[in-house]
Amino acid sequence: MMVDRDWQCADPKQQLVWATATSETLRVLEGKWKIVIIFQLFAAKAPLRFSELERRVEGVNQKMLIQQLKELEKDGILTRTIYPQVPPKVEYALSEMGVALGPSIEALVDWTLMRREVMGETSQNP
């Protein structure tokens, strides 16, 4: 649901609503690994098993990955599907709400690249 905003809005109450919404978004996405997990699910273009996510998210330990996946699921960003087989098969995929993050994440990447250029940074790392 894209809405055109009147950023010139002088209403302090509306400005507070926007600031609160932004803070809520950042709370949902905060954490060292959440954005990396989301990017890996976007890149895969298909559900991923836990072990594949663990391989793709370099440097994360199993406990932290489980915690971050649970939080992303609780916040509606991804879905967890359990298949009744032995051994159990579990797949993670972006939910509709997770997929909807695509344009925002793309804008953040573009902003970061622009900032690096303006600041004279050539590093590929954050």
Protein backbone atom coordinates (compact mmCIF):
# COMPACT_ATOMS: atom_id res chain seq x y z
CA MET A 1 0.00 0.00 0.00
CA MET A 2 1.95 2.99 -1.28
CA VAL A 3 0.75 6.40 -0.20
CA ASP A 4 1.90 9.78 -1.45
CA ARG A 5 2.94 11.78 1.56
CA ASP A 6 2.89 15.52 1.93
CA TRP A 7 6.31 15.85 3.55
CA GLN A 8 5.64 19.58 3.90
CA CYS A 9 2.94 18.70 6.42
CA ALA A 10 3.20 21.16 9.30
CA ASP A 11 1.01 19.09 11.62
CA PRO A 12 3.23 17.96 14.53
CA LYS A 13 0.85 15.08 15.28
CA GLN A 14 1.23 13.71 11.75
CA GLN A 15 5.00 14.11 11.93
CA LEU A 16 4.96 12.11 15.18
CA VAL A 17 2.89 9.37 13.50
CA TRP A 18 5.51 9.10 10.73
CA ALA A 19 8.40 9.12 13.20
CA THR A 20 6.72 6.42 15.29
CA ALA A 21 6.08 4.29 12.19
CA THR A 22 9.73 4.61 11.17
CA SER A 23 10.90 3.64 14.66
CA GLU A 24 8.61 0.60 14.60
CA THR A 25 10.08 -0.49 11.26
CA LEU A 26 13.63 -0.12 12.52
CA ARG A 27 12.74 -2.12 15.65
CA VAL A 28 11.42 -4.98 13.51
CA LEU A 29 14.56 -4.98 11.33
CA GLU A 30 17.14 -4.32 14.04
CA GLY A 31 19.69 -6.96 14.78
CA LYS A 32 22.93 -7.83 13.07
CA TRP A 33 21.50 -10.71 11.04
CA LYS A 34 17.91 -9.86 10.12
CA ILE A 35 18.70 -7.80 7.02
CA VAL A 36 21.22 -10.44 5.88
CA ILE A 37 18.58 -13.17 6.29
CA ILE A 38 16.04 -11.11 4.35
CA PHE A 39 18.56 -10.48 1.56
CA GLN A 40 19.38 -14.19 1.33
CA LEU A 41 15.69 -15.05 1.02
CA PHE A 42 15.26 -12.38 -1.67
CA ALA A 43 18.33 -13.67 -3.51
CA ALA A 44 17.19 -17.29 -3.34
CA LYS A 45 13.81 -16.47 -4.91
CA ALA A 46 12.59 -19.63 -3.23
CA PRO A 47 12.15 -20.98 0.30
CA LEU A 48 15.36 -22.03 2.04
CA ARG A 49 15.98 -24.78 4.55
CA PHE A 50 17.60 -23.87 7.86
CA SER A 51 20.92 -25.48 6.91
CA GLU A 52 21.04 -23.51 3.65
CA LEU A 53 20.35 -20.24 5.48
CA GLU A 54 23.06 -21.14 7.97
CA ARG A 55 25.53 -21.57 5.08
CA ARG A 56 24.47 -18.34 3.38
CA VAL A 57 24.56 -16.14 6.49
CA GLU A 58 28.30 -16.20 7.09
CA GLY A 59 29.42 -15.75 10.68
CA VAL A 60 26.10 -16.37 12.41
CA ASN A 61 25.91 -19.09 15.02
CA GLN A 62 23.01 -21.52 15.12
CA LYS A 63 21.47 -20.10 18.30
CA MET A 64 21.46 -16.54 16.92
CA LEU A 65 20.06 -17.64 13.55
CA ILE A 66 17.20 -19.48 15.29
CA GLN A 67 16.47 -16.40 17.44
CA GLN A 68 16.48 -14.01 14.47
CA LEU A 69 14.28 -16.34 12.39
CA LYS A 70 11.77 -16.61 15.26
CA GLU A 71 11.63 -12.83 15.59
CA LEU A 72 11.18 -12.33 11.84
CA GLU A 73 8.41 -14.93 11.84
CA LYS A 74 6.72 -13.31 14.87
CA ASP A 75 6.85 -9.93 13.11
CA GLY A 76 5.29 -11.37 9.96
CA ILE A 77 8.35 -10.92 7.72
CA LEU A 78 8.84 -14.60 6.96
CA THR A 79 6.96 -17.85 7.09
CA ARG A 80 8.16 -21.16 8.48
CA THR A 81 6.81 -24.31 6.91
CA ILE A 82 7.31 -27.68 8.59
CA TYR A 83 6.93 -30.79 6.44
CA PRO A 84 5.88 -33.96 8.32
CA GLN A 85 8.68 -36.31 7.36
CA VAL A 86 11.67 -37.94 8.99
CA PRO A 87 13.92 -36.11 9.48
CA PRO A 88 11.66 -33.04 9.68
CA LYS A 89 12.02 -30.61 6.81
CA VAL A 90 11.64 -26.92 7.67
CA GLU A 91 11.68 -24.13 5.09
CA TYR A 92 11.74 -20.38 5.49
CA ALA A 93 10.35 -17.93 2.95
CA LEU A 94 9.49 -14.26 2.82
CA SER A 95 5.86 -13.59 3.62
CA GLU A 96 3.81 -11.14 1.61
CA MET A 97 4.86 -8.49 4.12
CA GLY A 98 8.50 -9.53 3.73
CA VAL A 99 8.33 -9.30 -0.05
CA ALA A 100 6.77 -5.84 0.34
CA LEU A 101 10.04 -4.71 1.96
CA GLY A 102 11.79 -5.07 -1.42
CA PRO A 103 11.42 -1.47 -2.64
CA SER A 104 12.38 -0.08 0.78
CA ILE A 105 15.49 -2.22 0.99
CA GLU A 106 16.39 -1.32 -2.58
CA ALA A 107 16.05 2.37 -1.65
CA LEU A 108 18.30 1.86 1.39
CA VAL A 109 20.98 0.20 -0.76
CA ASP A 110 20.79 3.07 -3.27
CA TRP A 111 21.01 5.61 -0.44
CA THR A 112 24.06 3.85 1.03
CA LEU A 113 25.84 3.78 -2.33
CA MET A 114 25.04 7.47 -2.85
CA ARG A 115 26.29 8.30 0.65
CA ARG A 116 29.54 6.44 0.05
CA GLU A 117 30.07 8.36 -3.17
CA VAL A 118 29.33 11.71 -1.54
CA MET A 119 31.52 10.91 1.46
CA GLY A 120 34.33 9.71 -0.79
CA GLU A 121 34.22 6.19 0.57
CA THR A 122 35.23 3.37 -1.73
CA SER A 123 34.77 0.50 0.69
CA GLN A 124 32.32 -2.24 -0.30
CA ASN A 125 31.76 -3.09 3.36
CA PRO A 126 29.24 -1.28 5.56
